[in-house]
Amino acid sequence: MPAGQVFTNPGRALNAGQVCLLSTSRYTNAFNIIVWHPWRGMASYHILLSDDSSKATYKVIALSNLSSQKFYVTISDNKTISIYLKNNSEGPMNLSIQPVTSFKTTPVIATLPEDAIEVVVE
């Protein structure tokens, strides 16, 4: 996926155990994600990705949290950040992603990369 782009398909369902690549970027990105789970309710997150010549930075801020999903991150040698969302619940959950900057749609993927690290949500 080109740098500075993110999955933006409102109303997309993520089935149990599925993983979604939310964003890959070498630039500053910010977006809001709303997760709705039919049995658990609704959660909202603000995600920030940034890099400069010395480091890559990411932050996931929970405005409300369901604990039925986990965020993961990989950072490549060239400071490209990829952030993933995994549905850890028994049933599907709906995603709505509202970009603060311009992005492009990306697909749901089958599994997390082996080097993905779980993100601590603040």
Protein backbone atom coordinates (compact mmCIF):
# COMPACT_ATOMS: atom_id res chain seq x y z
CA MET A 1 0.00 0.00 0.00
CA PRO A 2 1.38 3.46 -0.80
CA ALA A 3 2.61 5.53 2.13
CA GLY A 4 0.04 7.71 3.87
CA GLN A 5 -2.98 5.52 3.18
CA VAL A 6 -5.49 3.69 5.34
CA PHE A 7 -8.51 1.37 5.15
CA THR A 8 -11.62 3.58 4.83
CA ASN A 9 -14.63 1.42 4.07
CA PRO A 10 -17.42 2.46 6.48
CA GLY A 11 -19.65 -0.35 7.67
CA ARG A 12 -17.07 -3.06 6.97
CA ALA A 13 -17.50 -6.24 9.03
CA LEU A 14 -14.47 -7.95 10.56
CA ASN A 15 -15.25 -11.57 11.46
CA ALA A 16 -13.95 -13.39 14.54
CA GLY A 17 -10.19 -13.90 14.32
CA GLN A 18 -9.77 -11.73 11.21
CA VAL A 19 -7.11 -9.05 10.96
CA CYS A 20 -7.39 -5.72 9.17
CA LEU A 21 -4.41 -3.65 8.03
CA LEU A 22 -5.54 -0.19 9.12
CA SER A 23 -2.67 1.92 7.86
CA THR A 24 0.84 1.87 6.49
CA SER A 25 2.67 5.15 6.46
CA ARG A 26 6.01 6.86 6.37
CA TYR A 27 4.31 10.19 7.07
CA THR A 28 2.08 11.61 9.78
CA ASN A 29 -1.42 10.09 9.79
CA ALA A 30 -4.32 10.50 12.15
CA PHE A 31 -7.68 8.78 12.05
CA ASN A 32 -10.58 7.76 14.26
CA ILE A 33 -11.95 4.25 14.34
CA ILE A 34 -15.32 3.17 15.71
CA VAL A 35 -15.88 -0.50 16.49
CA TRP A 36 -19.39 -1.85 17.05
CA HIS A 37 -19.83 -5.36 18.37
CA PRO A 38 -23.42 -6.72 18.54
CA TRP A 39 -22.96 -8.28 22.01
CA ARG A 40 -20.33 -5.99 23.54
CA GLY A 41 -21.35 -2.53 22.36
CA MET A 42 -19.30 0.30 20.88
CA ALA A 43 -15.70 1.51 21.24
CA SER A 44 -13.86 4.48 19.79
CA TYR A 45 -10.13 5.05 19.22
CA HIS A 46 -7.90 7.82 17.94
CA ILE A 47 -4.80 6.57 16.12
CA LEU A 48 -1.70 8.65 15.38
CA LEU A 49 1.25 7.54 13.23
CA SER A 50 4.33 9.65 12.61
CA ASP A 51 7.94 9.30 11.64
CA ASP A 52 10.92 11.51 11.05
CA SER A 53 14.53 10.81 10.18
CA SER A 54 15.35 9.49 13.66
CA LYS A 55 12.32 7.47 14.84
CA ALA A 56 8.83 6.16 14.12
CA THR A 57 6.06 6.95 16.60
CA TYR A 58 2.59 5.47 17.02
CA LYS A 59 -0.15 5.93 19.58
CA VAL A 60 -3.59 4.40 20.03
CA ILE A 61 -5.84 6.36 22.38
CA ALA A 62 -9.02 4.67 23.61
CA LEU A 63 -11.92 7.06 23.95
CA SER A 64 -13.87 3.96 25.01
CA ASN A 65 -12.62 0.37 24.95
CA LEU A 66 -14.31 -3.04 24.53
CA SER A 67 -11.25 -5.33 24.93
CA SER A 68 -12.70 -7.53 22.15
CA GLN A 69 -10.12 -6.21 19.71
CA LYS A 70 -6.35 -5.76 19.81
CA PHE A 71 -4.07 -3.42 17.90
CA TYR A 72 -0.65 -4.50 16.59
CA VAL A 73 2.21 -2.63 14.93
CA THR A 74 5.22 -3.40 12.78
CA ILE A 75 7.99 -0.92 11.99
CA SER A 76 10.28 -1.70 9.08
CA ASP A 77 13.96 -0.81 8.79
CA ASN A 78 13.06 2.26 6.74
CA LYS A 79 10.69 3.52 9.50
CA THR A 80 7.48 2.53 7.71
CA ILE A 81 4.76 1.89 10.32
CA SER A 82 1.97 -0.62 9.71
CA ILE A 83 -0.88 -0.83 12.22
CA TYR A 84 -3.34 -3.74 12.41
CA LEU A 85 -6.63 -4.46 14.18
CA LYS A 86 -7.59 -8.03 15.16
CA ASN A 87 -11.10 -9.12 16.17
CA ASN A 88 -10.65 -11.30 19.28
CA SER A 89 -14.36 -11.83 19.94
CA GLU A 90 -16.60 -14.77 19.05
CA GLY A 91 -18.65 -12.89 16.47
CA PRO A 92 -18.23 -10.20 13.83
CA MET A 93 -17.72 -6.53 14.56
CA ASN A 94 -18.38 -3.55 12.33
CA LEU A 95 -15.72 -0.93 11.63
CA SER A 96 -16.08 2.69 10.65
CA ILE A 97 -12.90 4.62 10.02
CA GLN A 98 -12.90 8.39 9.74
CA PRO A 99 -9.63 9.80 8.40
CA VAL A 100 -8.32 13.13 9.60
CA THR A 101 -6.05 13.17 6.53
CA SER A 102 -6.57 11.59 3.08
CA PHE A 103 -6.32 7.79 2.77
CA LYS A 104 -7.23 4.85 0.51
CA THR A 105 -9.06 1.54 1.06
CA THR A 106 -7.10 -1.62 1.88
CA PRO A 107 -8.34 -5.20 2.31
CA VAL A 108 -8.86 -7.43 5.32
CA ILE A 109 -5.90 -9.80 5.61
CA ALA A 110 -5.79 -13.38 6.86
CA THR A 111 -3.14 -13.18 9.59
CA LEU A 112 -0.83 -10.80 11.40
CA PRO A 113 2.79 -10.60 10.33
CA GLU A 114 5.02 -12.70 12.59
CA ASP A 115 6.92 -9.63 13.80
CA ALA A 116 3.78 -7.67 14.82
CA ILE A 117 3.88 -6.30 18.37
CA GLU A 118 0.71 -5.68 20.38
CA VAL A 119 0.03 -1.96 20.90
CA VAL A 120 -0.73 -0.74 24.42
CA VAL A 121 -3.91 1.32 24.16
CA GLU A 122 -3.86 4.37 26.39
